[in-house]
């Protein structure tokens, strides 16, 4: 399996890192859609459905591709990369990403009530719901 050695949106030309215009338009679209409120998965699904090439012949996108793209400051011109987006757009996207990742889901009042009253008959501990990765209550 090959991996990209140059960040999506860029290419090497005569030993120099330059913007690949076809990929750069996708990068701008991803940032615009994310700032407009779309999720990583929705953006990735859309790019896959449209057949946008990610690398070589791969036209499959996933939410991790999008998340890494949003979290990468090189798109705004850091580390000697030519800027594809402005620093303001990058900062806005990073703030939205931080806000979304730290948002705790509010449980309905009835769920909170049941959780506070439900105990195990053997050990007398509260019952807790576990997600499928068993990392959170």
C-alpha atoms as a PDB file:
ATOM      1  CA  UNK A   1       0.000   0.000   0.000  1.00  0.00           C
ATOM      2  CA  UNK A   2       1.375   3.396  -1.003  1.00  0.00           C
ATOM      3  CA  UNK A   3       0.981   6.470   1.130  1.00  0.00           C
ATOM      4  CA  UNK A   4       1.122  10.097   0.149  1.00  0.00           C
ATOM      5  CA  UNK A   5       4.524  11.633   0.742  1.00  0.00           C
ATOM      6  CA  UNK A   6       3.372  15.151  -0.150  1.00  0.00           C
ATOM      7  CA  UNK A   7       0.426  16.795   1.576  1.00  0.00           C
ATOM      8  CA  UNK A   8      -2.852  16.673  -0.389  1.00  0.00           C
ATOM      9  CA  UNK A   9      -3.149  19.879  -2.394  1.00  0.00           C
ATOM     10  CA  UNK A  10       0.560  20.063  -3.212  1.00  0.00           C
ATOM     11  CA  UNK A  11       2.990  18.452  -5.627  1.00  0.00           C
ATOM     12  CA  UNK A  12       6.704  18.459  -6.258  1.00  0.00           C
ATOM     13  CA  UNK A  13       7.804  20.216  -9.436  1.00  0.00           C
ATOM     14  CA  UNK A  14      11.523  20.468 -10.205  1.00  0.00           C
ATOM     15  CA  UNK A  15      12.278  19.822  -6.542  1.00  0.00           C
ATOM     16  CA  UNK A  16       9.974  22.591  -5.331  1.00  0.00           C
ATOM     17  CA  UNK A  17       6.733  22.262  -3.428  1.00  0.00           C
ATOM     18  CA  UNK A  18       3.946  23.898  -5.451  1.00  0.00           C
ATOM     19  CA  UNK A  19       0.168  24.042  -5.211  1.00  0.00           C
ATOM     20  CA  UNK A  20      -1.712  21.458  -7.283  1.00  0.00           C
ATOM     21  CA  UNK A  21      -4.682  23.556  -8.409  1.00  0.00           C
ATOM     22  CA  UNK A  22      -7.123  20.646  -8.861  1.00  0.00           C
ATOM     23  CA  UNK A  23      -6.438  19.350  -5.344  1.00  0.00           C
ATOM     24  CA  UNK A  24      -6.293  22.856  -3.852  1.00  0.00           C
ATOM     25  CA  UNK A  25      -9.870  23.506  -4.975  1.00  0.00           C
ATOM     26  CA  UNK A  26     -10.913  20.372  -3.044  1.00  0.00           C
ATOM     27  CA  UNK A  27      -9.024  21.600   0.040  1.00  0.00           C
ATOM     28  CA  UNK A  28     -10.843  24.950  -0.127  1.00  0.00           C
ATOM     29  CA  UNK A  29     -14.163  23.158  -0.576  1.00  0.00           C
ATOM     30  CA  UNK A  30     -13.475  20.937   2.453  1.00  0.00           C
ATOM     31  CA  UNK A  31     -12.707  23.945   4.655  1.00  0.00           C
ATOM     32  CA  UNK A  32     -15.748  25.872   3.400  1.00  0.00           C
ATOM     33  CA  UNK A  33     -18.101  22.938   3.974  1.00  0.00           C
ATOM     34  CA  UNK A  34     -16.659  22.215   7.422  1.00  0.00           C
ATOM     35  CA  UNK A  35     -17.023  25.839   8.496  1.00  0.00           C
ATOM     36  CA  UNK A  36     -20.593  25.776   7.139  1.00  0.00           C
ATOM     37  CA  UNK A  37     -21.387  22.968   9.590  1.00  0.00           C
ATOM     38  CA  UNK A  38     -20.898  19.671   7.750  1.00  0.00           C
ATOM     39  CA  UNK A  39     -19.285  16.725   9.522  1.00  0.00           C
ATOM     40  CA  UNK A  40     -16.044  15.023   8.520  1.00  0.00           C
ATOM     41  CA  UNK A  41     -17.985  11.920   7.475  1.00  0.00           C
ATOM     42  CA  UNK A  42     -20.498  13.810   5.334  1.00  0.00           C
ATOM     43  CA  UNK A  43     -17.714  15.640   3.491  1.00  0.00           C
ATOM     44  CA  UNK A  44     -15.761  12.396   2.976  1.00  0.00           C
ATOM     45  CA  UNK A  45     -18.840  10.549   1.698  1.00  0.00           C
ATOM     46  CA  UNK A  46     -19.568  13.356  -0.759  1.00  0.00           C
ATOM     47  CA  UNK A  47     -16.018  13.343  -2.153  1.00  0.00           C
ATOM     48  CA  UNK A  48     -16.100   9.549  -2.492  1.00  0.00           C
ATOM     49  CA  UNK A  49     -19.476   9.639  -4.266  1.00  0.00           C
ATOM     50  CA  UNK A  50     -18.187  12.250  -6.706  1.00  0.00           C
ATOM     51  CA  UNK A  51     -15.096  10.138  -7.407  1.00  0.00           C
ATOM     52  CA  UNK A  52     -12.560  12.761  -6.330  1.00  0.00           C
ATOM     53  CA  UNK A  53      -9.118  11.155  -6.394  1.00  0.00           C
ATOM     54  CA  UNK A  54      -7.304  11.183  -3.063  1.00  0.00           C
ATOM     55  CA  UNK A  55      -4.055   9.519  -4.115  1.00  0.00           C
ATOM     56  CA  UNK A  56      -3.026   7.718  -7.279  1.00  0.00           C
ATOM     57  CA  UNK A  57      -6.122   5.722  -8.271  1.00  0.00           C
ATOM     58  CA  UNK A  58      -7.805   5.828  -4.852  1.00  0.00           C
ATOM     59  CA  UNK A  59     -11.112   7.657  -4.888  1.00  0.00           C
ATOM     60  CA  UNK A  60     -12.109   6.582  -1.379  1.00  0.00           C
ATOM     61  CA  UNK A  61     -12.164   9.253   1.295  1.00  0.00           C
ATOM     62  CA  UNK A  62     -12.785   8.768   5.002  1.00  0.00           C
ATOM     63  CA  UNK A  63     -13.387  11.102   7.906  1.00  0.00           C
ATOM     64  CA  UNK A  64      -9.767  10.760   9.047  1.00  0.00           C
ATOM     65  CA  UNK A  65      -8.520  12.265   5.773  1.00  0.00           C
ATOM     66  CA  UNK A  66     -10.804  15.240   6.347  1.00  0.00           C
ATOM     67  CA  UNK A  67      -9.925  15.567  10.058  1.00  0.00           C
ATOM     68  CA  UNK A  68      -6.205  15.586   9.288  1.00  0.00           C
ATOM     69  CA  UNK A  69      -6.753  18.168   6.565  1.00  0.00           C
ATOM     70  CA  UNK A  70      -8.687  20.480   8.907  1.00  0.00           C
ATOM     71  CA  UNK A  71      -6.078  20.112  11.631  1.00  0.00           C
ATOM     72  CA  UNK A  72      -3.069  20.881   9.431  1.00  0.00           C
ATOM     73  CA  UNK A  73      -1.732  24.447   9.624  1.00  0.00           C
ATOM     74  CA  UNK A  74       0.502  23.921   6.588  1.00  0.00           C
ATOM     75  CA  UNK A  75      -2.515  24.682   4.387  1.00  0.00           C
ATOM     76  CA  UNK A  76      -2.330  28.247   5.734  1.00  0.00           C
ATOM     77  CA  UNK A  77       1.325  28.562   4.730  1.00  0.00           C
ATOM     78  CA  UNK A  78       3.298  27.198   7.685  1.00  0.00           C
ATOM     79  CA  UNK A  79       6.545  25.190   7.351  1.00  0.00           C
ATOM     80  CA  UNK A  80       7.455  26.669   3.954  1.00  0.00           C
ATOM     81  CA  UNK A  81       4.250  25.463   2.285  1.00  0.00           C
ATOM     82  CA  UNK A  82       2.561  27.899  -0.092  1.00  0.00           C
ATOM     83  CA  UNK A  83      -0.813  28.876   1.399  1.00  0.00           C
ATOM     84  CA  UNK A  84      -3.983  27.351  -0.072  1.00  0.00           C
ATOM     85  CA  UNK A  85      -6.288  28.937   2.523  1.00  0.00           C
ATOM     86  CA  UNK A  86      -5.987  32.062   4.629  1.00  0.00           C
ATOM     87  CA  UNK A  87      -4.864  31.982   8.243  1.00  0.00           C
ATOM     88  CA  UNK A  88      -8.308  33.310   9.253  1.00  0.00           C
ATOM     89  CA  UNK A  89     -10.099  30.384   7.597  1.00  0.00           C
ATOM     90  CA  UNK A  90      -7.662  27.946   9.197  1.00  0.00           C
ATOM     91  CA  UNK A  91      -8.129  29.493  12.650  1.00  0.00           C
ATOM     92  CA  UNK A  92     -11.913  29.435  12.303  1.00  0.00           C
ATOM     93  CA  UNK A  93     -11.895  25.776  11.265  1.00  0.00           C
ATOM     94  CA  UNK A  94      -9.600  24.840  14.169  1.00  0.00           C
ATOM     95  CA  UNK A  95     -11.860  26.648  16.661  1.00  0.00           C
ATOM     96  CA  UNK A  96     -14.910  24.825  15.302  1.00  0.00           C
ATOM     97  CA  UNK A  97     -13.052  21.519  15.468  1.00  0.00           C
ATOM     98  CA  UNK A  98     -12.050  22.143  19.090  1.00  0.00           C
ATOM     99  CA  UNK A  99     -15.581  23.180  20.034  1.00  0.00           C
ATOM    100  CA  UNK A 100     -17.164  20.132  18.388  1.00  0.00           C
ATOM    101  CA  UNK A 101     -14.719  17.681  19.916  1.00  0.00           C
ATOM    102  CA  UNK A 102     -15.240  18.952  23.461  1.00  0.00           C
ATOM    103  CA  UNK A 103     -19.035  19.049  23.392  1.00  0.00           C
ATOM    104  CA  UNK A 104     -20.605  16.608  25.823  1.00  0.00           C
ATOM    105  CA  UNK A 105     -23.948  15.194  24.783  1.00  0.00           C
ATOM    106  CA  UNK A 106     -26.774  16.160  27.092  1.00  0.00           C
ATOM    107  CA  UNK A 107     -28.837  13.189  28.192  1.00  0.00           C
ATOM    108  CA  UNK A 108     -32.606  13.520  28.494  1.00  0.00           C
ATOM    109  CA  UNK A 109     -33.912  14.100  32.017  1.00  0.00           C
ATOM    110  CA  UNK A 110     -35.573  10.675  32.179  1.00  0.00           C
ATOM    111  CA  UNK A 111     -32.262   8.986  31.355  1.00  0.00           C
ATOM    112  CA  UNK A 112     -30.509  10.882  34.137  1.00  0.00           C
ATOM    113  CA  UNK A 113     -33.277   9.892  36.552  1.00  0.00           C
ATOM    114  CA  UNK A 114     -33.042   6.209  35.614  1.00  0.00           C
ATOM    115  CA  UNK A 115     -29.245   6.286  35.921  1.00  0.00           C
ATOM    116  CA  UNK A 116     -29.454   7.760  39.413  1.00  0.00           C
ATOM    117  CA  UNK A 117     -31.955   5.128  40.627  1.00  0.00           C
ATOM    118  CA  UNK A 118     -30.702   1.927  38.959  1.00  0.00           C
ATOM    119  CA  UNK A 119     -28.352  -0.295  40.987  1.00  0.00           C
ATOM    120  CA  UNK A 120     -26.930  -3.791  40.545  1.00  0.00           C
ATOM    121  CA  UNK A 121     -28.682  -6.291  42.841  1.00  0.00           C
ATOM    122  CA  UNK A 122     -25.389  -8.049  43.593  1.00  0.00           C
ATOM    123  CA  UNK A 123     -22.741  -5.371  44.073  1.00  0.00           C
ATOM    124  CA  UNK A 124     -25.045  -2.340  44.631  1.00  0.00           C
ATOM    125  CA  UNK A 125     -23.128  -0.196  42.092  1.00  0.00           C
ATOM    126  CA  UNK A 126     -24.774   2.108  39.569  1.00  0.00           C
ATOM    127  CA  UNK A 127     -25.379   0.674  36.117  1.00  0.00           C
ATOM    128  CA  UNK A 128     -23.564   2.520  33.337  1.00  0.00           C
ATOM    129  CA  UNK A 129     -24.021   2.447  29.608  1.00  0.00           C
ATOM    130  CA  UNK A 130     -20.859   1.637  27.663  1.00  0.00           C
ATOM    131  CA  UNK A 131     -20.293   2.669  24.079  1.00  0.00           C
ATOM    132  CA  UNK A 132     -19.022   0.096  21.619  1.00  0.00           C
ATOM    133  CA  UNK A 133     -15.379   1.045  22.262  1.00  0.00           C
ATOM    134  CA  UNK A 134     -15.875   0.857  26.038  1.00  0.00           C
ATOM    135  CA  UNK A 135     -14.028   4.134  26.544  1.00  0.00           C
ATOM    136  CA  UNK A 136     -16.844   6.257  27.938  1.00  0.00           C
ATOM    137  CA  UNK A 137     -19.821   5.836  30.214  1.00  0.00           C
END
